[in-house]
Amino acid sequence: MTVHPGDAPIPTQLRAASAVVAVQGLALLAAAAILVVMTIAGHPDDVPRALLGAAMALLGAVILVSCARGCWRSVPPPGRRSSCSSCWLYR
């Protein structure tokens, strides 16, 4: 992330929210790993269905971590307080 002189700092609330979302994504990643291990070590009734559940958890984790990364790196455009005029975080 390149910070230019005059850029507005990223609000603390946005940093905190992105950290919470990142933690949720990492927890979902751990859940996906547990599901895979339980599928391999256990005797599920339907292996493809169990692996699909793990894949969906992994996909959710990737989406959450990507969203957290995007929020963490967001910078308002120069000369404007926000890229979204109705965003309550920048008021």
Protein backbone atom coordinates (compact mmCIF):
# COMPACT_ATOMS: atom_id res chain seq x y z
CA MET A 1 0.00 0.00 0.00
CA THR A 2 1.44 3.33 -1.03
CA VAL A 3 0.55 6.24 1.20
CA HIS A 4 0.78 9.67 -0.35
CA PRO A 5 0.96 12.95 1.55
CA GLY A 6 -2.52 14.23 2.25
CA ASP A 7 -4.18 10.79 2.17
CA ALA A 8 -6.73 10.36 4.90
CA PRO A 9 -5.83 7.70 7.46
CA ILE A 10 -7.93 4.56 7.54
CA PRO A 11 -10.44 4.77 10.40
CA THR A 12 -9.84 2.63 13.45
CA GLN A 13 -13.35 1.16 13.15
CA LEU A 14 -12.56 -0.11 9.65
CA ARG A 15 -9.27 -1.65 10.83
CA ALA A 16 -11.08 -3.34 13.73
CA ALA A 17 -13.86 -4.62 11.48
CA SER A 18 -11.39 -6.05 8.99
CA ALA A 19 -9.50 -7.76 11.84
CA VAL A 20 -12.75 -9.34 13.09
CA VAL A 21 -13.59 -10.58 9.58
CA ALA A 22 -10.06 -11.98 9.19
CA VAL A 23 -10.41 -13.89 12.47
CA GLN A 24 -13.75 -15.28 11.29
CA GLY A 25 -12.13 -16.37 8.03
CA LEU A 26 -9.30 -18.10 9.86
CA ALA A 27 -11.78 -19.85 12.15
CA LEU A 28 -13.69 -21.08 9.10
CA LEU A 29 -10.42 -22.28 7.60
CA ALA A 30 -9.78 -24.29 10.78
CA ALA A 31 -13.30 -25.72 10.56
CA ALA A 32 -12.65 -26.79 6.96
CA ALA A 33 -9.44 -28.53 8.03
CA ILE A 34 -11.27 -30.31 10.86
CA LEU A 35 -13.98 -31.44 8.43
CA VAL A 36 -11.38 -32.89 6.06
CA VAL A 37 -9.58 -34.69 8.89
CA MET A 38 -12.85 -36.07 10.25
CA THR A 39 -13.81 -37.25 6.75
CA ILE A 40 -10.48 -39.04 6.27
CA ALA A 41 -10.22 -40.47 9.78
CA GLY A 42 -13.90 -41.30 10.29
CA HIS A 43 -16.51 -43.24 8.41
CA PRO A 44 -18.94 -40.75 6.88
CA ASP A 45 -22.09 -42.06 5.22
CA ASP A 46 -21.33 -40.09 2.05
CA VAL A 47 -17.68 -39.11 1.46
CA PRO A 48 -18.32 -36.73 -1.48
CA ARG A 49 -20.96 -34.86 0.53
CA ALA A 50 -18.58 -34.54 3.49
CA LEU A 51 -15.80 -33.26 1.25
CA LEU A 52 -18.22 -30.82 -0.39
CA GLY A 53 -19.04 -29.43 3.05
CA ALA A 54 -15.33 -28.93 3.70
CA ALA A 55 -14.89 -27.30 0.28
CA MET A 56 -17.75 -24.88 1.01
CA ALA A 57 -16.17 -23.98 4.35
CA LEU A 58 -12.85 -23.41 2.59
CA LEU A 59 -14.53 -21.22 -0.03
CA GLY A 60 -16.20 -19.18 2.71
CA ALA A 61 -12.87 -18.77 4.46
CA VAL A 62 -11.19 -17.53 1.28
CA ILE A 63 -13.99 -15.03 0.68
CA LEU A 64 -13.88 -13.70 4.26
CA VAL A 65 -10.09 -13.34 4.27
CA SER A 66 -10.21 -11.60 0.87
CA CYS A 67 -12.83 -9.16 2.16
CA ALA A 68 -10.77 -8.47 5.27
CA ARG A 69 -7.68 -7.83 3.15
CA GLY A 70 -9.61 -5.45 0.90
CA CYS A 71 -11.00 -3.50 3.85
CA TRP A 72 -7.60 -3.35 5.52
CA ARG A 73 -5.98 -1.94 2.38
CA SER A 74 -8.75 0.50 1.48
CA VAL A 75 -7.67 4.10 1.13
CA PRO A 76 -10.01 6.96 0.26
CA PRO A 77 -9.15 8.72 -3.00
CA PRO A 78 -7.07 11.90 -2.65
CA GLY A 79 -9.16 14.96 -1.96
CA ARG A 80 -12.20 12.94 -0.87
CA ARG A 81 -13.05 11.52 2.50
CA SER A 82 -14.58 8.37 1.07
CA SER A 83 -15.14 6.52 -2.17
CA CYS A 84 -18.74 6.14 -0.99
CA SER A 85 -20.45 9.37 -0.03
CA SER A 86 -22.99 7.58 2.15
CA CYS A 87 -20.44 5.50 4.08
CA TRP A 88 -20.97 6.08 7.82
CA LEU A 89 -17.35 5.24 8.66
CA TYR A 90 -16.04 8.40 7.04
CA ARG A 91 -18.55 10.87 8.48
